[in-house]
Amino acid sequence: MFAYIKKTNYKYIGITNYPNLRKNKRRMLGDYLRLGDKWRAINFTKEPYNLQEPTYNLSDKNDLTDLDKNKYMSIWKNEDFNLYNLNNKL
């Protein structure tokens, strides 16, 4: 997915991000069955994504869940959206 994004001619890209997460956790099958979807909070600057710090972090916080109190729209410039580590690990 990210490889296709990088090939497009964009100036900036915004992705929902949880920058205060210390570690990205994998979901187990039981989590999908219990939660009913495949959604999870991700910090794109941590393993396995390892993107550099975003150019901007726009607050998208709300009080719906504890995780949403740490929700941001992170913005990267095209030239800063480095996928080297991502392509080698995923």
PDB file of N, CA and C in Angstrom:
ATOM      1  N   MET A   1       0.818  -1.190   0.000  1.00  0.00           N
ATOM      2  CA  MET A   1       0.000   0.000   0.000  1.00  0.00           C
ATOM      3  C   MET A   1       0.865   1.258   0.000  1.00  0.00           C
ATOM      4  N   PHE A   2       1.851   1.340   0.904  1.00  0.00           N
ATOM      5  CA  PHE A   2       2.681   2.538   0.994  1.00  0.00           C
ATOM      6  C   PHE A   2       3.501   2.766  -0.271  1.00  0.00           C
ATOM      7  N   ALA A   3       3.915   1.692  -0.914  1.00  0.00           N
ATOM      8  CA  ALA A   3       4.682   1.836  -2.156  1.00  0.00           C
ATOM      9  C   ALA A   3       3.852   2.549  -3.214  1.00  0.00           C
ATOM     10  N   TYR A   4       2.569   2.235  -3.301  1.00  0.00           N
ATOM     11  CA  TYR A   4       1.688   2.904  -4.259  1.00  0.00           C
ATOM     12  C   TYR A   4       1.488   4.367  -3.889  1.00  0.00           C
ATOM     13  N   ILE A   5       1.373   4.649  -2.619  1.00  0.00           N
ATOM     14  CA  ILE A   5       1.211   6.032  -2.171  1.00  0.00           C
ATOM     15  C   ILE A   5       2.431   6.852  -2.558  1.00  0.00           C
ATOM     16  N   LYS A   6       3.618   6.308  -2.340  1.00  0.00           N
ATOM     17  CA  LYS A   6       4.847   7.035  -2.628  1.00  0.00           C
ATOM     18  C   LYS A   6       4.970   7.374  -4.114  1.00  0.00           C
ATOM     19  N   LYS A   7       4.422   6.543  -4.988  1.00  0.00           N
ATOM     20  CA  LYS A   7       4.518   6.765  -6.434  1.00  0.00           C
ATOM     21  C   LYS A   7       3.614   7.891  -6.918  1.00  0.00           C
ATOM     22  N   THR A   8       2.622   8.277  -6.126  1.00  0.00           N
ATOM     23  CA  THR A   8       1.730   9.348  -6.550  1.00  0.00           C
ATOM     24  C   THR A   8       2.423  10.692  -6.398  1.00  0.00           C
ATOM     25  N   ASN A   9       1.896  11.685  -7.063  1.00  0.00           N
ATOM     26  CA  ASN A   9       2.524  13.001  -7.067  1.00  0.00           C
ATOM     27  C   ASN A   9       1.849  13.899  -6.018  1.00  0.00           C
ATOM     28  N   TYR A  10       2.128  13.661  -4.754  1.00  0.00           N
ATOM     29  CA  TYR A  10       1.541  14.473  -3.691  1.00  0.00           C
ATOM     30  C   TYR A  10       2.625  15.339  -3.069  1.00  0.00           C
ATOM     31  N   LYS A  11       2.200  16.420  -2.455  1.00  0.00           N
ATOM     32  CA  LYS A  11       3.133  17.300  -1.757  1.00  0.00           C
ATOM     33  C   LYS A  11       3.230  16.914  -0.288  1.00  0.00           C
ATOM     34  N   TYR A  12       2.080  16.616   0.322  1.00  0.00           N
ATOM     35  CA  TYR A  12       1.996  16.205   1.716  1.00  0.00           C
ATOM     36  C   TYR A  12       1.056  15.012   1.814  1.00  0.00           C
ATOM     37  N   ILE A  13       1.254  14.190   2.850  1.00  0.00           N
ATOM     38  CA  ILE A  13       0.338  13.085   3.120  1.00  0.00           C
ATOM     39  C   ILE A  13      -0.029  13.117   4.596  1.00  0.00           C
ATOM     40  N   GLY A  14      -1.308  12.930   4.881  1.00  0.00           N
ATOM     41  CA  GLY A  14      -1.787  12.905   6.256  1.00  0.00           C
ATOM     42  C   GLY A  14      -2.296  11.519   6.621  1.00  0.00           C
ATOM     43  N   ILE A  15      -1.853  11.008   7.745  1.00  0.00           N
ATOM     44  CA  ILE A  15      -2.235   9.676   8.212  1.00  0.00           C
ATOM     45  C   ILE A  15      -2.590   9.772   9.690  1.00  0.00           C
ATOM     46  N   THR A  16      -3.700   9.136  10.080  1.00  0.00           N
ATOM     47  CA  THR A  16      -4.041   9.072  11.501  1.00  0.00           C
ATOM     48  C   THR A  16      -2.924   8.336  12.226  1.00  0.00           C
ATOM     49  N   ASN A  17      -2.445   8.928  13.296  1.00  0.00           N
ATOM     50  CA  ASN A  17      -1.266   8.422  13.992  1.00  0.00           C
ATOM     51  C   ASN A  17      -1.461   8.590  15.498  1.00  0.00           C
ATOM     52  N   TYR A  18      -0.850   7.714  16.247  1.00  0.00           N
ATOM     53  CA  TYR A  18      -0.890   7.763  17.719  1.00  0.00           C
ATOM     54  C   TYR A  18       0.552   7.885  18.217  1.00  0.00           C
ATOM     55  N   PRO A  19       1.150   9.093  18.155  1.00  0.00           N
ATOM     56  CA  PRO A  19       2.574   9.265  18.421  1.00  0.00           C
ATOM     57  C   PRO A  19       3.017   8.974  19.848  1.00  0.00           C
ATOM     58  N   ASN A  20       2.098   8.893  20.796  1.00  0.00           N
ATOM     59  CA  ASN A  20       2.503   8.609  22.174  1.00  0.00           C
ATOM     60  C   ASN A  20       2.548   7.116  22.492  1.00  0.00           C
ATOM     61  N   LEU A  21       2.148   6.267  21.544  1.00  0.00           N
ATOM     62  CA  LEU A  21       2.290   4.822  21.757  1.00  0.00           C
ATOM     63  C   LEU A  21       3.770   4.468  21.760  1.00  0.00           C
ATOM     64  N   ARG A  22       4.197   3.731  22.751  1.00  0.00           N
ATOM     65  CA  ARG A  22       5.610   3.337  22.830  1.00  0.00           C
ATOM     66  C   ARG A  22       5.937   2.181  21.909  1.00  0.00           C
ATOM     67  N   LYS A  23       4.939   1.325  21.646  1.00  0.00           N
ATOM     68  CA  LYS A  23       5.176   0.133  20.834  1.00  0.00           C
ATOM     69  C   LYS A  23       3.882  -0.240  20.107  1.00  0.00           C
ATOM     70  N   ASN A  24       4.018  -0.590  18.825  1.00  0.00           N
ATOM     71  CA  ASN A  24       2.869  -1.074  18.069  1.00  0.00           C
ATOM     72  C   ASN A  24       2.613  -2.529  18.436  1.00  0.00           C
ATOM     73  N   LYS A  25       1.365  -2.840  18.691  1.00  0.00           N
ATOM     74  CA  LYS A  25       1.007  -4.199  19.082  1.00  0.00           C
ATOM     75  C   LYS A  25       0.265  -4.878  17.942  1.00  0.00           C
ATOM     76  N   ARG A  26       0.572  -6.152  17.736  1.00  0.00           N
ATOM     77  CA  ARG A  26      -0.171  -6.944  16.761  1.00  0.00           C
ATOM     78  C   ARG A  26      -1.464  -7.390  17.387  1.00  0.00           C
ATOM     79  N   ARG A  27      -2.496  -7.456  16.579  1.00  0.00           N
ATOM     80  CA  ARG A  27      -3.775  -7.966  17.046  1.00  0.00           C
ATOM     81  C   ARG A  27      -3.830  -9.466  16.847  1.00  0.00           C
ATOM     82  N   MET A  28      -4.447 -10.138  17.776  1.00  0.00           N
ATOM     83  CA  MET A  28      -4.638 -11.580  17.689  1.00  0.00           C
ATOM     84  C   MET A  28      -6.054 -11.862  17.179  1.00  0.00           C
ATOM     85  N   LEU A  29      -6.292 -13.062  16.701  1.00  0.00           N
ATOM     86  CA  LEU A  29      -7.600 -13.434  16.161  1.00  0.00           C
ATOM     87  C   LEU A  29      -8.715 -13.152  17.160  1.00  0.00           C
ATOM     88  N   GLY A  30      -8.496 -13.435  18.427  1.00  0.00           N
ATOM     89  CA  GLY A  30      -9.516 -13.187  19.451  1.00  0.00           C
ATOM     90  C   GLY A  30      -9.901 -11.718  19.537  1.00  0.00           C
ATOM     91  N   ASP A  31      -8.931 -10.830  19.305  1.00  0.00           N
ATOM     92  CA  ASP A  31      -9.225  -9.393  19.315  1.00  0.00           C
ATOM     93  C   ASP A  31     -10.186  -9.035  18.187  1.00  0.00           C
ATOM     94  N   TYR A  32      -9.968  -9.620  16.998  1.00  0.00           N
ATOM     95  CA  TYR A  32     -10.856  -9.341  15.867  1.00  0.00           C
ATOM     96  C   TYR A  32     -12.264  -9.829  16.146  1.00  0.00           C
ATOM     97  N   LEU A  33     -12.355 -11.008  16.719  1.00  0.00           N
ATOM     98  CA  LEU A  33     -13.678 -11.567  17.004  1.00  0.00           C
ATOM     99  C   LEU A  33     -14.399 -10.744  18.066  1.00  0.00           C
ATOM    100  N   ARG A  34     -13.662 -10.293  19.075  1.00  0.00           N
ATOM    101  CA  ARG A  34     -14.254  -9.525  20.168  1.00  0.00           C
ATOM    102  C   ARG A  34     -14.595  -8.098  19.730  1.00  0.00           C
ATOM    103  N   LEU A  35     -13.693  -7.470  18.973  1.00  0.00           N
ATOM    104  CA  LEU A  35     -13.888  -6.072  18.589  1.00  0.00           C
ATOM    105  C   LEU A  35     -14.699  -5.912  17.309  1.00  0.00           C
ATOM    106  N   GLY A  36     -14.744  -6.948  16.480  1.00  0.00           N
ATOM    107  CA  GLY A  36     -15.558  -6.901  15.278  1.00  0.00           C
ATOM    108  C   GLY A  36     -14.938  -6.185  14.095  1.00  0.00           C
ATOM    109  N   ASP A  37     -13.698  -5.768  14.200  1.00  0.00           N
ATOM    110  CA  ASP A  37     -13.031  -5.156  13.052  1.00  0.00           C
ATOM    111  C   ASP A  37     -11.523  -5.342  13.179  1.00  0.00           C
ATOM    112  N   LYS A  38     -10.796  -4.811  12.218  1.00  0.00           N
ATOM    113  CA  LYS A  38      -9.340  -4.979  12.212  1.00  0.00           C
ATOM    114  C   LYS A  38      -8.622  -3.683  12.554  1.00  0.00           C
ATOM    115  N   TRP A  39      -9.314  -2.733  13.129  1.00  0.00           N
ATOM    116  CA  TRP A  39      -8.743  -1.448  13.477  1.00  0.00           C
ATOM    117  C   TRP A  39      -7.791  -1.583  14.655  1.00  0.00           C
ATOM    118  N   ARG A  40      -6.731  -0.798  14.660  1.00  0.00           N
ATOM    119  CA  ARG A  40      -5.850  -0.705  15.814  1.00  0.00           C
ATOM    120  C   ARG A  40      -5.099   0.614  15.763  1.00  0.00           C
ATOM    121  N   ALA A  41      -4.699   1.103  16.914  1.00  0.00           N
ATOM    122  CA  ALA A  41      -3.898   2.321  16.991  1.00  0.00           C
ATOM    123  C   ALA A  41      -2.471   1.992  16.560  1.00  0.00           C
ATOM    124  N   ILE A  42      -1.876   2.889  15.771  1.00  0.00           N
ATOM    125  CA  ILE A  42      -0.519   2.673  15.264  1.00  0.00           C
ATOM    126  C   ILE A  42       0.285   3.949  15.433  1.00  0.00           C
ATOM    127  N   ASN A  43       1.535   3.785  15.842  1.00  0.00           N
ATOM    128  CA  ASN A  43       2.513   4.866  15.832  1.00  0.00           C
ATOM    129  C   ASN A  43       3.444   4.581  14.657  1.00  0.00           C
ATOM    130  N   PHE A  44       3.329   5.362  13.599  1.00  0.00           N
ATOM    131  CA  PHE A  44       4.090   5.103  12.379  1.00  0.00           C
ATOM    132  C   PHE A  44       5.576   5.423  12.505  1.00  0.00           C
ATOM    133  N   THR A  45       6.004   6.008  13.625  1.00  0.00           N
ATOM    134  CA  THR A  45       7.438   6.245  13.821  1.00  0.00           C
ATOM    135  C   THR A  45       8.113   5.081  14.542  1.00  0.00           C
ATOM    136  N   LYS A  46       7.341   4.046  14.901  1.00  0.00           N
ATOM    137  CA  LYS A  46       7.875   2.861  15.603  1.00  0.00           C
ATOM    138  C   LYS A  46       7.874   1.651  14.669  1.00  0.00           C
ATOM    139  N   GLU A  47       8.523   0.573  15.125  1.00  0.00           N
ATOM    140  CA  GLU A  47       8.546  -0.686  14.371  1.00  0.00           C
ATOM    141  C   GLU A  47       7.136  -1.138  14.053  1.00  0.00           C
ATOM    142  N   PRO A  48       6.853  -1.694  12.920  1.00  0.00           N
ATOM    143  CA  PRO A  48       7.757  -1.991  11.807  1.00  0.00           C
ATOM    144  C   PRO A  48       7.821  -0.875  10.770  1.00  0.00           C
ATOM    145  N   TYR A  49       7.174   0.275  11.008  1.00  0.00           N
ATOM    146  CA  TYR A  49       7.078   1.333  10.005  1.00  0.00           C
ATOM    147  C   TYR A  49       8.304   2.234   9.984  1.00  0.00           C
ATOM    148  N   ASN A  50       8.740   2.673  11.153  1.00  0.00           N
ATOM    149  CA  ASN A  50       9.954   3.482  11.303  1.00  0.00           C
ATOM    150  C   ASN A  50      10.004   4.737  10.445  1.00  0.00           C
ATOM    151  N   LEU A  51       8.868   5.391  10.257  1.00  0.00           N
ATOM    152  CA  LEU A  51       8.897   6.661   9.538  1.00  0.00           C
ATOM    153  C   LEU A  51       9.535   7.711  10.436  1.00  0.00           C
ATOM    154  N   GLN A  52      10.161   8.705   9.817  1.00  0.00           N
ATOM    155  CA  GLN A  52      10.738   9.772  10.626  1.00  0.00           C
ATOM    156  C   GLN A  52       9.620  10.592  11.247  1.00  0.00           C
ATOM    157  N   GLU A  53       9.970  11.459  12.162  1.00  0.00           N
ATOM    158  CA  GLU A  53       8.964  12.307  12.807  1.00  0.00           C
ATOM    159  C   GLU A  53       8.239  13.117  11.735  1.00  0.00           C
ATOM    160  N   PRO A  54       6.925  13.259  11.865  1.00  0.00           N
ATOM    161  CA  PRO A  54       6.173  14.006  10.853  1.00  0.00           C
ATOM    162  C   PRO A  54       6.522  15.488  10.855  1.00  0.00           C
ATOM    163  N   THR A  55       6.226  16.127   9.747  1.00  0.00           N
ATOM    164  CA  THR A  55       6.440  17.568   9.614  1.00  0.00           C
ATOM    165  C   THR A  55       5.490  18.323  10.537  1.00  0.00           C
ATOM    166  N   TYR A  56       4.240  17.854  10.608  1.00  0.00           N
ATOM    167  CA  TYR A  56       3.221  18.461  11.461  1.00  0.00           C
ATOM    168  C   TYR A  56       2.423  17.368  12.163  1.00  0.00           C
ATOM    169  N   ASN A  57       1.967  17.659  13.371  1.00  0.00           N
ATOM    170  CA  ASN A  57       1.006  16.821  14.086  1.00  0.00           C
ATOM    171  C   ASN A  57      -0.192  17.686  14.431  1.00  0.00           C
ATOM    172  N   LEU A  58      -1.332  17.367  13.831  1.00  0.00           N
ATOM    173  CA  LEU A  58      -2.562  18.108  14.095  1.00  0.00           C
ATOM    174  C   LEU A  58      -3.417  17.293  15.053  1.00  0.00           C
ATOM    175  N   SER A  59      -3.805  17.876  16.149  1.00  0.00           N
ATOM    176  CA  SER A  59      -4.586  17.161  17.152  1.00  0.00           C
ATOM    177  C   SER A  59      -5.930  16.722  16.588  1.00  0.00           C
ATOM    178  N   ASP A  60      -6.255  15.462  16.807  1.00  0.00           N
ATOM    179  CA  ASP A  60      -7.555  14.900  16.448  1.00  0.00           C
ATOM    180  C   ASP A  60      -8.142  14.206  17.679  1.00  0.00           C
ATOM    181  N   LYS A  61      -7.806  14.749  18.835  1.00  0.00           N
ATOM    182  CA  LYS A  61      -8.206  14.155  20.113  1.00  0.00           C
ATOM    183  C   LYS A  61      -9.703  14.273  20.333  1.00  0.00           C
ATOM    184  N   ASN A  62     -10.241  13.262  21.014  1.00  0.00           N
ATOM    185  CA  ASN A  62     -11.630  13.306  21.463  1.00  0.00           C
ATOM    186  C   ASN A  62     -11.763  12.407  22.682  1.00  0.00           C
ATOM    187  N   ASP A  63     -12.921  12.363  23.262  1.00  0.00           N
ATOM    188  CA  ASP A  63     -13.131  11.607  24.500  1.00  0.00           C
ATOM    189  C   ASP A  63     -13.902  10.305  24.286  1.00  0.00           C
ATOM    190  N   LEU A  64     -13.958   9.803  23.048  1.00  0.00           N
ATOM    191  CA  LEU A  64     -14.713   8.576  22.787  1.00  0.00           C
ATOM    192  C   LEU A  64     -14.081   7.356  23.449  1.00  0.00           C
ATOM    193  N   THR A  65     -12.763   7.255  23.377  1.00  0.00           N
ATOM    194  CA  THR A  65     -12.035   6.160  24.033  1.00  0.00           C
ATOM    195  C   THR A  65     -10.745   6.725  24.607  1.00  0.00           C
ATOM    196  N   ASP A  66     -10.076   5.944  25.453  1.00  0.00           N
ATOM    197  CA  ASP A  66      -8.788   6.388  25.992  1.00  0.00           C
ATOM    198  C   ASP A  66      -7.767   6.586  24.881  1.00  0.00           C
ATOM    199  N   LEU A  67      -7.787   5.708  23.863  1.00  0.00           N
ATOM    200  CA  LEU A  67      -6.839   5.843  22.751  1.00  0.00           C
ATOM    201  C   LEU A  67      -7.047   7.142  21.989  1.00  0.00           C
ATOM    202  N   ASP A  68      -8.294   7.572  21.866  1.00  0.00           N
ATOM    203  CA  ASP A  68      -8.581   8.783  21.094  1.00  0.00           C
ATOM    204  C   ASP A  68      -8.068  10.055  21.761  1.00  0.00           C
ATOM    205  N   LYS A  69      -7.644   9.967  22.992  1.00  0.00           N
ATOM    206  CA  LYS A  69      -7.054  11.123  23.663  1.00  0.00           C
ATOM    207  C   LYS A  69      -5.625  11.361  23.177  1.00  0.00           C
ATOM    208  N   ASN A  70      -5.086  10.416  22.405  1.00  0.00           N
ATOM    209  CA  ASN A  70      -3.730  10.488  21.871  1.00  0.00           C
ATOM    210  C   ASN A  70      -3.754  10.389  20.345  1.00  0.00           C
ATOM    211  N   LYS A  71      -4.800  10.864  19.718  1.00  0.00           N
ATOM    212  CA  LYS A  71      -4.986  10.714  18.272  1.00  0.00           C
ATOM    213  C   LYS A  71      -4.580  11.997  17.550  1.00  0.00           C
ATOM    214  N   TYR A  72      -3.797  11.848  16.490  1.00  0.00           N
ATOM    215  CA  TYR A  72      -3.331  12.982  15.702  1.00  0.00           C
ATOM    216  C   TYR A  72      -3.459  12.668  14.221  1.00  0.00           C
ATOM    217  N   MET A  73      -3.566  13.719  13.420  1.00  0.00           N
ATOM    218  CA  MET A  73      -3.388  13.602  11.987  1.00  0.00           C
ATOM    219  C   MET A  73      -1.951  14.061  11.751  1.00  0.00           C
ATOM    220  N   SER A  74      -1.090  13.101  11.452  1.00  0.00           N
ATOM    221  CA  SER A  74       0.323  13.411  11.237  1.00  0.00           C
ATOM    222  C   SER A  74       0.550  13.656   9.755  1.00  0.00           C
ATOM    223  N   ILE A  75       1.301  14.708   9.463  1.00  0.00           N
ATOM    224  CA  ILE A  75       1.535  15.144   8.085  1.00  0.00           C
ATOM    225  C   ILE A  75       3.026  15.022   7.765  1.00  0.00           C
ATOM    226  N   TRP A  76       3.317  14.327   6.665  1.00  0.00           N
ATOM    227  CA  TRP A  76       4.687  14.210   6.167  1.00  0.00           C
ATOM    228  C   TRP A  76       4.772  14.835   4.782  1.00  0.00           C
ATOM    229  N   LYS A  77       5.903  15.475   4.478  1.00  0.00           N
ATOM    230  CA  LYS A  77       6.186  15.918   3.118  1.00  0.00           C
ATOM    231  C   LYS A  77       6.560  14.687   2.296  1.00  0.00           C
ATOM    232  N   ASN A  78       6.301  14.738   1.018  1.00  0.00           N
ATOM    233  CA  ASN A  78       6.620  13.621   0.138  1.00  0.00           C
ATOM    234  C   ASN A  78       8.077  13.205   0.294  1.00  0.00           C
ATOM    235  N   GLU A  79       8.977  14.160   0.242  1.00  0.00           N
ATOM    236  CA  GLU A  79      10.401  13.826   0.295  1.00  0.00           C
ATOM    237  C   GLU A  79      10.831  13.283   1.667  1.00  0.00           C
ATOM    238  N   ASP A  80      10.031  13.523   2.698  1.00  0.00           N
ATOM    239  CA  ASP A  80      10.344  13.026   4.035  1.00  0.00           C
ATOM    240  C   ASP A  80       9.657  11.700   4.356  1.00  0.00           C
ATOM    241  N   PHE A  81       8.791  11.246   3.467  1.00  0.00           N
ATOM    242  CA  PHE A  81       8.050  10.003   3.680  1.00  0.00           C
ATOM    243  C   PHE A  81       8.942   8.853   3.229  1.00  0.00           C
ATOM    244  N   ASN A  82       9.916   8.507   4.068  1.00  0.00           N
ATOM    245  CA  ASN A  82      10.938   7.518   3.732  1.00  0.00           C
ATOM    246  C   ASN A  82      10.413   6.112   3.958  1.00  0.00           C
ATOM    247  N   LEU A  83      10.350   5.338   2.893  1.00  0.00           N
ATOM    248  CA  LEU A  83       9.803   3.996   2.975  1.00  0.00           C
ATOM    249  C   LEU A  83      10.883   2.917   2.932  1.00  0.00           C
ATOM    250  N   TYR A  84      12.140   3.295   3.013  1.00  0.00           N
ATOM    251  CA  TYR A  84      13.207   2.310   2.911  1.00  0.00           C
ATOM    252  C   TYR A  84      13.047   1.186   3.938  1.00  0.00           C
ATOM    253  N   ASN A  85      12.916   1.556   5.202  1.00  0.00           N
ATOM    254  CA  ASN A  85      12.782   0.533   6.255  1.00  0.00           C
ATOM    255  C   ASN A  85      11.498  -0.263   6.096  1.00  0.00           C
ATOM    256  N   LEU A  86      10.429   0.422   5.729  1.00  0.00           N
ATOM    257  CA  LEU A  86       9.143  -0.241   5.568  1.00  0.00           C
ATOM    258  C   LEU A  86       9.194  -1.288   4.464  1.00  0.00           C
ATOM    259  N   ASN A  87       9.754  -0.942   3.319  1.00  0.00           N
ATOM    260  CA  ASN A  87       9.807  -1.891   2.210  1.00  0.00           C
ATOM    261  C   ASN A  87      10.673  -3.095   2.519  1.00  0.00           C
ATOM    262  N   ASN A  88      11.649  -2.959   3.372  1.00  0.00           N
ATOM    263  CA  ASN A  88      12.518  -4.067   3.713  1.00  0.00           C
ATOM    264  C   ASN A  88      11.966  -4.958   4.798  1.00  0.00           C
ATOM    265  N   LYS A  89      10.915  -4.540   5.498  1.00  0.00           N
ATOM    266  CA  LYS A  89      10.397  -5.313   6.611  1.00  0.00           C
ATOM    267  C   LYS A  89       9.019  -5.899   6.380  1.00  0.00           C
ATOM    268  N   LEU A  90       8.225  -5.282   5.495  1.00  0.00           N
ATOM    269  CA  LEU A  90       6.859  -5.757   5.282  1.00  0.00           C
ATOM    270  C   LEU A  90       6.752  -6.571   4.019  1.00  0.00           C
TER     271      LEU A  90
END
